[in-house]
Amino acid sequence: MKIYTKTGDKGNTSLFGGNRVAKHHIRIDAYGTTDELNSWLGLIRDQNIDQHYKDNLIKIQNHLFTLGSILATPKDKLFLKNGKKRLNIQWIEQEHIEFLEQEIDLMDQSLEPMTHFVLPGGHTTVSYCHVARTVCRRAERNVSHLNENETVDPFVLQYLNRLSDYLFVLARKLSFELQANQILWAPDKER
């Protein structure tokens, strides 16, 4: 199988199921941004962090591939005529969202309560978490936009929302563990 097909040379691409759409279609933005997020998670996973976080990130990356597959499939192609799901994968379910919530709660237990916003940065690994968090929010916005035009599985939106929370708390947890220099946001003070 060749990597290049030349079928997208005029600015169109195929969705799962065969429909062709423009490469700037909101559905392409939605799963393309999810793919971008997955790459950032790979970069975080490549850092010198605890194996528990690396294992979680691998799990999340797998979830994002599932999520991208769902987004790449138009609603009318998600199910076969007999009602079975066309995609032979485990879909995003409540248990995946609960996994993120449990991990957030676990990390949060050892952190001081937030009293101020903190400027992103302080350590390269922490910065990668913040970039991933903002890409996740963009993916969530794109999926929300898509959902206005075509109904999207509600677990997809919930998962992205919770994942951005996870990445925020992971940034806080890694700041603590890496003893990163944190700069509090002080809107009333010039620096």
C-alpha atoms as a PDB file:
ATOM      1  CA  MET A   1       0.000   0.000   0.000  1.00  0.00           C
ATOM      2  CA  LYS A   2       1.416   3.377  -0.979  1.00  0.00           C
ATOM      3  CA  ILE A   3       1.411   6.269   1.468  1.00  0.00           C
ATOM      4  CA  TYR A   4       0.373   8.761  -1.173  1.00  0.00           C
ATOM      5  CA  THR A   5      -2.830   8.252  -3.124  1.00  0.00           C
ATOM      6  CA  LYS A   6      -3.094  11.608  -4.933  1.00  0.00           C
ATOM      7  CA  THR A   7      -6.850  11.592  -4.206  1.00  0.00           C
ATOM      8  CA  GLY A   8      -6.495  14.632  -1.961  1.00  0.00           C
ATOM      9  CA  ASP A   9      -4.547  16.765  -4.413  1.00  0.00           C
ATOM     10  CA  LYS A  10      -7.568  18.984  -5.096  1.00  0.00           C
ATOM     11  CA  GLY A  11      -8.317  19.729  -1.437  1.00  0.00           C
ATOM     12  CA  ASN A  12     -10.776  16.937  -0.699  1.00  0.00           C
ATOM     13  CA  THR A  13     -10.491  13.851   1.458  1.00  0.00           C
ATOM     14  CA  SER A  14     -12.531  10.745   2.224  1.00  0.00           C
ATOM     15  CA  LEU A  15     -14.303  10.073   5.471  1.00  0.00           C
ATOM     16  CA  PHE A  16     -14.775   6.541   6.793  1.00  0.00           C
ATOM     17  CA  GLY A  17     -17.594   5.152   4.685  1.00  0.00           C
ATOM     18  CA  GLY A  18     -16.529   6.900   1.486  1.00  0.00           C
ATOM     19  CA  ASN A  19     -18.059  10.373   1.688  1.00  0.00           C
ATOM     20  CA  ARG A  20     -15.730  13.047   0.269  1.00  0.00           C
ATOM     21  CA  VAL A  21     -15.477  16.444   1.943  1.00  0.00           C
ATOM     22  CA  ALA A  22     -13.216  19.484   1.754  1.00  0.00           C
ATOM     23  CA  LYS A  23     -10.082  19.225   3.869  1.00  0.00           C
ATOM     24  CA  HIS A  24     -11.226  22.306   5.788  1.00  0.00           C
ATOM     25  CA  HIS A  25     -14.571  20.677   6.717  1.00  0.00           C
ATOM     26  CA  ILE A  26     -15.346  20.971  10.443  1.00  0.00           C
ATOM     27  CA  ARG A  27     -15.311  17.173  10.769  1.00  0.00           C
ATOM     28  CA  ILE A  28     -11.721  17.139   9.455  1.00  0.00           C
ATOM     29  CA  ASP A  29     -10.815  19.945  11.881  1.00  0.00           C
ATOM     30  CA  ALA A  30     -12.341  17.949  14.723  1.00  0.00           C
ATOM     31  CA  TYR A  31     -10.455  14.703  14.172  1.00  0.00           C
ATOM     32  CA  GLY A  32      -7.356  16.486  12.865  1.00  0.00           C
ATOM     33  CA  THR A  33      -7.065  18.475  16.078  1.00  0.00           C
ATOM     34  CA  THR A  34      -7.607  15.280  18.047  1.00  0.00           C
ATOM     35  CA  ASP A  35      -4.696  13.766  16.107  1.00  0.00           C
ATOM     36  CA  GLU A  36      -2.571  16.835  16.893  1.00  0.00           C
ATOM     37  CA  LEU A  37      -3.443  16.431  20.573  1.00  0.00           C
ATOM     38  CA  ASN A  38      -2.402  12.787  20.418  1.00  0.00           C
ATOM     39  CA  SER A  39       1.017  13.850  19.119  1.00  0.00           C
ATOM     40  CA  TRP A  40       1.469  16.284  22.001  1.00  0.00           C
ATOM     41  CA  LEU A  41       0.584  13.519  24.456  1.00  0.00           C
ATOM     42  CA  GLY A  42       3.296  11.400  22.854  1.00  0.00           C
ATOM     43  CA  LEU A  43       5.775  14.216  23.494  1.00  0.00           C
ATOM     44  CA  ILE A  44       4.725  14.412  27.160  1.00  0.00           C
ATOM     45  CA  ARG A  45       5.040  10.624  27.432  1.00  0.00           C
ATOM     46  CA  ASP A  46       8.602  10.859  26.076  1.00  0.00           C
ATOM     47  CA  GLN A  47       9.635  13.068  29.001  1.00  0.00           C
ATOM     48  CA  ASN A  48      11.285  11.887  32.191  1.00  0.00           C
ATOM     49  CA  ILE A  49       8.081  11.388  34.188  1.00  0.00           C
ATOM     50  CA  ASP A  50       6.720   8.630  36.419  1.00  0.00           C
ATOM     51  CA  GLN A  51       5.745   5.422  34.612  1.00  0.00           C
ATOM     52  CA  HIS A  52       2.192   5.719  35.979  1.00  0.00           C
ATOM     53  CA  TYR A  53       1.681   8.912  33.953  1.00  0.00           C
ATOM     54  CA  LYS A  54       3.252   7.291  30.889  1.00  0.00           C
ATOM     55  CA  ASP A  55       0.887   4.323  31.184  1.00  0.00           C
ATOM     56  CA  ASN A  56      -2.081   6.677  31.549  1.00  0.00           C
ATOM     57  CA  LEU A  57      -0.996   8.654  28.516  1.00  0.00           C
ATOM     58  CA  ILE A  58      -0.745   5.495  26.395  1.00  0.00           C
ATOM     59  CA  LYS A  59      -4.269   4.594  27.477  1.00  0.00           C
ATOM     60  CA  ILE A  60      -5.491   8.104  26.631  1.00  0.00           C
ATOM     61  CA  GLN A  61      -3.710   8.034  23.265  1.00  0.00           C
ATOM     62  CA  ASN A  62      -5.573   4.826  22.429  1.00  0.00           C
ATOM     63  CA  HIS A  63      -8.835   6.486  23.472  1.00  0.00           C
ATOM     64  CA  LEU A  64      -8.025   9.416  21.172  1.00  0.00           C
ATOM     65  CA  PHE A  65      -7.526   7.074  18.210  1.00  0.00           C
ATOM     66  CA  THR A  66     -10.959   5.631  18.974  1.00  0.00           C
ATOM     67  CA  LEU A  67     -12.412   9.103  19.301  1.00  0.00           C
ATOM     68  CA  GLY A  68     -10.824  10.145  15.998  1.00  0.00           C
ATOM     69  CA  SER A  69     -12.294   7.098  14.263  1.00  0.00           C
ATOM     70  CA  ILE A  70     -15.750   8.011  15.537  1.00  0.00           C
ATOM     71  CA  LEU A  71     -15.304  11.607  14.371  1.00  0.00           C
ATOM     72  CA  ALA A  72     -14.059  10.460  10.945  1.00  0.00           C
ATOM     73  CA  THR A  73     -17.302   8.555  10.398  1.00  0.00           C
ATOM     74  CA  PRO A  74     -20.447  10.455   9.399  1.00  0.00           C
ATOM     75  CA  LYS A  75     -23.457   9.677  11.554  1.00  0.00           C
ATOM     76  CA  ASP A  76     -25.265   7.915   8.702  1.00  0.00           C
ATOM     77  CA  LYS A  77     -22.290   5.545   8.318  1.00  0.00           C
ATOM     78  CA  LEU A  78     -21.761   4.704  12.012  1.00  0.00           C
ATOM     79  CA  PHE A  79     -24.227   1.804  11.946  1.00  0.00           C
ATOM     80  CA  LEU A  80     -24.830  -1.041   9.521  1.00  0.00           C
ATOM     81  CA  LYS A  81     -28.304  -1.814   8.209  1.00  0.00           C
ATOM     82  CA  ASN A  82     -28.754  -4.462  10.912  1.00  0.00           C
ATOM     83  CA  GLY A  83     -28.088  -1.829  13.619  1.00  0.00           C
ATOM     84  CA  LYS A  84     -24.594  -3.061  14.523  1.00  0.00           C
ATOM     85  CA  LYS A  85     -21.842  -0.512  14.937  1.00  0.00           C
ATOM     86  CA  ARG A  86     -19.797  -0.264  11.768  1.00  0.00           C
ATOM     87  CA  LEU A  87     -16.560   0.479  13.614  1.00  0.00           C
ATOM     88  CA  ASN A  88     -15.268  -2.696  15.209  1.00  0.00           C
ATOM     89  CA  ILE A  89     -13.704  -0.862  18.163  1.00  0.00           C
ATOM     90  CA  GLN A  90     -14.662  -0.146  21.740  1.00  0.00           C
ATOM     91  CA  TRP A  91     -16.371   3.212  21.646  1.00  0.00           C
ATOM     92  CA  ILE A  92     -15.805   5.978  24.167  1.00  0.00           C
ATOM     93  CA  GLU A  93     -17.974   5.084  27.141  1.00  0.00           C
ATOM     94  CA  GLN A  94     -18.731   6.421  30.609  1.00  0.00           C
ATOM     95  CA  GLU A  95     -15.944   4.235  32.047  1.00  0.00           C
ATOM     96  CA  HIS A  96     -13.348   6.154  30.005  1.00  0.00           C
ATOM     97  CA  ILE A  97     -14.570   9.452  31.438  1.00  0.00           C
ATOM     98  CA  GLU A  98     -14.591   7.974  34.946  1.00  0.00           C
ATOM     99  CA  PHE A  99     -10.985   6.830  34.443  1.00  0.00           C
ATOM    100  CA  LEU A 100      -9.963  10.439  33.795  1.00  0.00           C
ATOM    101  CA  GLU A 101     -11.952  11.654  36.806  1.00  0.00           C
ATOM    102  CA  GLN A 102     -10.343   9.055  39.089  1.00  0.00           C
ATOM    103  CA  GLU A 103      -6.864  10.041  37.901  1.00  0.00           C
ATOM    104  CA  ILE A 104      -7.656  13.731  38.394  1.00  0.00           C
ATOM    105  CA  ASP A 105      -8.842  13.042  41.951  1.00  0.00           C
ATOM    106  CA  LEU A 106      -5.774  10.918  42.667  1.00  0.00           C
ATOM    107  CA  MET A 107      -3.362  13.656  41.547  1.00  0.00           C
ATOM    108  CA  ASP A 108      -5.372  16.383  43.233  1.00  0.00           C
ATOM    109  CA  GLN A 109      -5.100  14.687  46.664  1.00  0.00           C
ATOM    110  CA  SER A 110      -1.436  15.620  47.003  1.00  0.00           C
ATOM    111  CA  LEU A 111      -1.750  19.189  45.697  1.00  0.00           C
ATOM    112  CA  GLU A 112      -2.424  22.358  47.610  1.00  0.00           C
ATOM    113  CA  PRO A 113      -5.754  24.006  46.815  1.00  0.00           C
ATOM    114  CA  MET A 114      -5.517  26.542  44.001  1.00  0.00           C
ATOM    115  CA  THR A 115      -5.596  30.134  45.182  1.00  0.00           C
ATOM    116  CA  HIS A 116      -4.317  31.843  42.009  1.00  0.00           C
ATOM    117  CA  PHE A 117      -3.995  31.192  38.341  1.00  0.00           C
ATOM    118  CA  VAL A 118      -0.469  30.203  37.370  1.00  0.00           C
ATOM    119  CA  LEU A 119       1.203  31.291  34.156  1.00  0.00           C
ATOM    120  CA  PRO A 120       1.948  28.274  31.955  1.00  0.00           C
ATOM    121  CA  GLY A 121       5.618  27.329  32.084  1.00  0.00           C
ATOM    122  CA  GLY A 122       8.270  26.711  34.697  1.00  0.00           C
ATOM    123  CA  HIS A 123       9.523  23.457  33.175  1.00  0.00           C
ATOM    124  CA  THR A 124       9.503  22.106  29.617  1.00  0.00           C
ATOM    125  CA  THR A 125       7.408  19.059  30.555  1.00  0.00           C
ATOM    126  CA  VAL A 126       4.841  21.248  32.315  1.00  0.00           C
ATOM    127  CA  SER A 127       4.717  23.543  29.277  1.00  0.00           C
ATOM    128  CA  TYR A 128       4.018  20.544  27.030  1.00  0.00           C
ATOM    129  CA  CYS A 129       1.057  19.692  29.287  1.00  0.00           C
ATOM    130  CA  HIS A 130      -0.310  23.219  28.918  1.00  0.00           C
ATOM    131  CA  VAL A 131       0.082  23.152  25.127  1.00  0.00           C
ATOM    132  CA  ALA A 132      -1.713  19.782  25.049  1.00  0.00           C
ATOM    133  CA  ARG A 133      -4.461  21.200  27.282  1.00  0.00           C
ATOM    134  CA  THR A 134      -5.082  24.117  24.930  1.00  0.00           C
ATOM    135  CA  VAL A 135      -5.063  21.846  21.858  1.00  0.00           C
ATOM    136  CA  CYS A 136      -7.571  19.647  23.700  1.00  0.00           C
ATOM    137  CA  ARG A 137      -9.804  22.683  24.271  1.00  0.00           C
ATOM    138  CA  ARG A 138      -9.571  23.503  20.557  1.00  0.00           C
ATOM    139  CA  ALA A 139     -10.544  19.927  19.697  1.00  0.00           C
ATOM    140  CA  GLU A 140     -13.476  20.253  22.074  1.00  0.00           C
ATOM    141  CA  ARG A 141     -14.570  23.500  20.400  1.00  0.00           C
ATOM    142  CA  ASN A 142     -14.323  21.877  16.967  1.00  0.00           C
ATOM    143  CA  VAL A 143     -16.373  18.871  18.082  1.00  0.00           C
ATOM    144  CA  SER A 144     -18.926  21.202  19.669  1.00  0.00           C
ATOM    145  CA  HIS A 145     -19.170  23.078  16.367  1.00  0.00           C
ATOM    146  CA  LEU A 146     -19.583  19.797  14.481  1.00  0.00           C
ATOM    147  CA  ASN A 147     -22.270  18.783  16.993  1.00  0.00           C
ATOM    148  CA  GLU A 148     -24.315  21.865  16.003  1.00  0.00           C
ATOM    149  CA  ASN A 149     -24.540  20.502  12.453  1.00  0.00           C
ATOM    150  CA  GLU A 150     -24.470  16.733  13.027  1.00  0.00           C
ATOM    151  CA  THR A 151     -25.157  15.037  16.328  1.00  0.00           C
ATOM    152  CA  VAL A 152     -21.949  13.713  17.884  1.00  0.00           C
ATOM    153  CA  ASP A 153     -21.878  10.974  20.493  1.00  0.00           C
ATOM    154  CA  PRO A 154     -22.145  12.885  23.807  1.00  0.00           C
ATOM    155  CA  PHE A 155     -19.346  10.797  25.345  1.00  0.00           C
ATOM    156  CA  VAL A 156     -16.942  12.233  22.769  1.00  0.00           C
ATOM    157  CA  LEU A 157     -17.594  15.781  23.981  1.00  0.00           C
ATOM    158  CA  GLN A 158     -17.522  14.750  27.637  1.00  0.00           C
ATOM    159  CA  TYR A 159     -14.251  12.888  27.163  1.00  0.00           C
ATOM    160  CA  LEU A 160     -12.502  15.883  25.602  1.00  0.00           C
ATOM    161  CA  ASN A 161     -13.824  18.169  28.322  1.00  0.00           C
ATOM    162  CA  ARG A 162     -12.562  15.879  31.059  1.00  0.00           C
ATOM    163  CA  LEU A 163      -9.261  15.287  29.275  1.00  0.00           C
ATOM    164  CA  SER A 164      -8.481  19.006  29.290  1.00  0.00           C
ATOM    165  CA  ASP A 165      -9.121  18.989  33.056  1.00  0.00           C
ATOM    166  CA  TYR A 166      -6.822  15.971  33.390  1.00  0.00           C
ATOM    167  CA  LEU A 167      -4.059  17.752  31.486  1.00  0.00           C
ATOM    168  CA  PHE A 168      -4.436  20.849  33.663  1.00  0.00           C
ATOM    169  CA  VAL A 169      -4.102  18.810  36.846  1.00  0.00           C
ATOM    170  CA  LEU A 170      -1.243  16.796  35.337  1.00  0.00           C
ATOM    171  CA  ALA A 171       0.572  20.094  34.686  1.00  0.00           C
ATOM    172  CA  ARG A 172       0.027  21.085  38.321  1.00  0.00           C
ATOM    173  CA  LYS A 173       1.152  17.666  39.581  1.00  0.00           C
ATOM    174  CA  LEU A 174       4.283  17.665  37.434  1.00  0.00           C
ATOM    175  CA  SER A 175       5.058  21.244  38.507  1.00  0.00           C
ATOM    176  CA  PHE A 176       4.998  19.988  42.080  1.00  0.00           C
ATOM    177  CA  GLU A 177       7.053  16.860  41.382  1.00  0.00           C
ATOM    178  CA  LEU A 178       9.599  18.623  39.189  1.00  0.00           C
ATOM    179  CA  GLN A 179       9.786  21.579  41.580  1.00  0.00           C
ATOM    180  CA  ALA A 180       9.050  23.925  38.693  1.00  0.00           C
ATOM    181  CA  ASN A 181       9.241  27.644  39.215  1.00  0.00           C
ATOM    182  CA  GLN A 182       5.621  28.771  39.144  1.00  0.00           C
ATOM    183  CA  ILE A 183       4.682  32.370  38.465  1.00  0.00           C
ATOM    184  CA  LEU A 184       1.326  33.367  39.873  1.00  0.00           C
ATOM    185  CA  TRP A 185      -0.869  35.506  37.685  1.00  0.00           C
ATOM    186  CA  ALA A 186      -1.322  38.836  39.400  1.00  0.00           C
ATOM    187  CA  PRO A 187      -3.512  41.015  37.166  1.00  0.00           C
ATOM    188  CA  ASP A 188      -3.132  44.108  39.343  1.00  0.00           C
ATOM    189  CA  LYS A 189       0.675  44.065  39.405  1.00  0.00           C
ATOM    190  CA  GLU A 190       3.180  44.895  36.701  1.00  0.00           C
ATOM    191  CA  ARG A 191       6.115  42.551  36.444  1.00  0.00           C
END
